[in-house]
Amino acid sequence: MAEFNPKQIGYQLVIDEKYHNTLDVEGFSKMMNSPSYCYKFYWLEAIVQLISEGKERTTYDEIINEMIANAWYSVLEFHIHLSGIWGEGLIKDNLEKTVRNFMS
C-alpha cells in the first residue's frame, strides 16, 4: 500500500508554524459522505464547537456531552432516528438511546 503524503497532493492546513494538519481530506470526506449514521455529524459538530471555544485538549466525556446536547432537539422535538435504522420498534443508535435515557 502506498504511503499517504499530504504535501504531495496539497492537503495541508497551516494554522501556525508549529502545527501542520495531515488529515486525509479525501478519506475524511468519504467517511462523512453517507448520512445513514448521523452520530458522525454530531461528533464533528462537537469537536468544532470545542475548538471554537478555544479548547486545545479535551476528553472523551466532553465530546460525548456536546454530542448529547447537540442531538437533544433533533431526537426529542423532531423525533429523528439518528441511525436511519428503525426496526421492530427498537432504537438502534446509541446516541439516540442516550438522549432518550438522559431525559427519562
Protein backbone atom coordinates (compact mmCIF):
# COMPACT_ATOMS: atom_id res chain seq x y z
CA MET A 1 0.00 0.00 0.00
CA ALA A 2 1.31 3.42 -0.93
CA GLU A 3 2.05 5.77 1.93
CA PHE A 4 -0.13 8.88 2.17
CA ASN A 5 1.77 12.11 1.59
CA PRO A 6 -0.45 15.18 2.18
CA LYS A 7 2.24 17.58 0.96
CA GLN A 8 2.29 15.86 -2.41
CA ILE A 9 -1.41 16.47 -3.09
CA GLY A 10 -1.77 19.79 -1.28
CA TYR A 11 -3.99 18.82 1.66
CA GLN A 12 -2.32 20.97 4.26
CA LEU A 13 -3.97 23.39 6.62
CA VAL A 14 -1.36 25.53 8.28
CA ILE A 15 -2.57 27.25 11.45
CA ASP A 16 0.84 28.42 12.62
CA GLU A 17 4.46 27.43 12.21
CA LYS A 18 4.16 24.71 14.87
CA TYR A 19 1.06 22.90 13.59
CA HIS A 20 0.55 21.17 10.26
CA ASN A 21 -2.62 19.28 9.54
CA THR A 22 -2.03 15.90 7.92
CA LEU A 23 -5.69 14.98 7.66
CA ASP A 24 -6.51 12.70 4.75
CA VAL A 25 -9.20 15.04 3.41
CA GLU A 26 -10.36 12.59 0.75
CA GLY A 27 -10.75 9.77 3.29
CA PHE A 28 -12.44 12.11 5.76
CA SER A 29 -14.80 13.31 3.05
CA LYS A 30 -15.77 9.72 2.19
CA MET A 31 -16.42 8.97 5.87
CA MET A 32 -18.77 11.97 6.15
CA ASN A 33 -20.42 11.31 2.77
CA SER A 34 -23.10 8.85 3.88
CA PRO A 35 -25.69 10.32 6.26
CA SER A 36 -27.07 6.90 7.24
CA TYR A 37 -25.40 7.15 10.65
CA CYS A 38 -25.89 10.71 11.89
CA TYR A 39 -23.74 10.34 15.02
CA LYS A 40 -20.66 11.24 12.97
CA PHE A 41 -22.12 14.66 12.19
CA TYR A 42 -22.78 15.24 15.88
CA TRP A 43 -19.23 14.06 16.62
CA LEU A 44 -17.78 16.55 14.14
CA GLU A 45 -20.05 19.35 15.37
CA ALA A 46 -18.99 18.67 18.98
CA ILE A 47 -15.30 18.83 18.09
CA VAL A 48 -15.75 22.02 16.07
CA GLN A 49 -17.65 23.63 18.96
CA LEU A 50 -14.97 22.68 21.47
CA ILE A 51 -12.24 24.07 19.21
CA SER A 52 -14.21 27.29 18.67
CA GLU A 53 -14.36 27.67 22.47
CA GLY A 54 -10.57 27.73 22.44
CA LYS A 55 -10.06 24.21 23.78
CA GLU A 56 -6.68 22.77 22.90
CA ARG A 57 -7.26 19.50 24.75
CA THR A 58 -10.48 17.70 25.52
CA THR A 59 -11.76 14.45 26.94
CA TYR A 60 -13.98 11.77 25.53
CA ASP A 61 -16.66 12.80 28.05
CA GLU A 62 -16.62 16.43 26.89
CA ILE A 63 -17.08 15.34 23.27
CA ILE A 64 -19.90 12.93 24.19
CA ASN A 65 -21.61 15.59 26.34
CA GLU A 66 -21.53 18.04 23.40
CA MET A 67 -22.91 15.33 21.11
CA ILE A 68 -25.80 14.63 23.51
CA ALA A 69 -26.58 18.33 23.86
CA ASN A 70 -26.48 18.84 20.09
CA ALA A 71 -28.67 15.79 19.37
CA TRP A 72 -31.26 16.57 22.05
CA TYR A 73 -33.50 18.81 19.94
CA SER A 74 -33.42 16.56 16.87
CA VAL A 75 -34.32 13.47 18.88
CA LEU A 76 -36.87 14.82 21.35
CA GLU A 77 -38.53 17.62 19.39
CA PHE A 78 -38.37 16.31 15.81
CA HIS A 79 -38.35 12.58 16.70
CA ILE A 80 -35.49 11.93 14.28
CA HIS A 81 -33.91 8.49 14.46
CA LEU A 82 -30.19 9.08 14.18
CA SER A 83 -29.10 5.75 12.75
CA GLY A 84 -31.58 5.72 9.93
CA ILE A 85 -32.29 2.15 11.03
CA TRP A 86 -35.60 1.71 12.78
CA GLY A 87 -36.92 -1.77 13.14
CA GLU A 88 -39.15 -3.79 15.42
CA GLY A 89 -39.81 -0.66 17.49
CA LEU A 90 -36.21 -0.60 18.71
CA ILE A 91 -33.83 2.33 18.69
CA LYS A 92 -30.61 1.21 17.00
CA ASP A 93 -28.41 4.27 17.61
CA ASN A 94 -26.60 4.63 20.96
CA LEU A 95 -26.54 8.43 20.79
CA GLU A 96 -30.30 8.48 20.35
CA LYS A 97 -30.70 5.96 23.19
CA THR A 98 -28.54 8.13 25.43
CA VAL A 99 -30.53 11.27 24.71
CA ARG A 100 -33.82 9.45 25.40
CA ASN A 101 -32.48 7.80 28.58
CA PHE A 102 -31.00 11.07 29.81
CA MET A 103 -34.43 12.71 29.63
CA SER A 104 -36.41 9.89 31.25
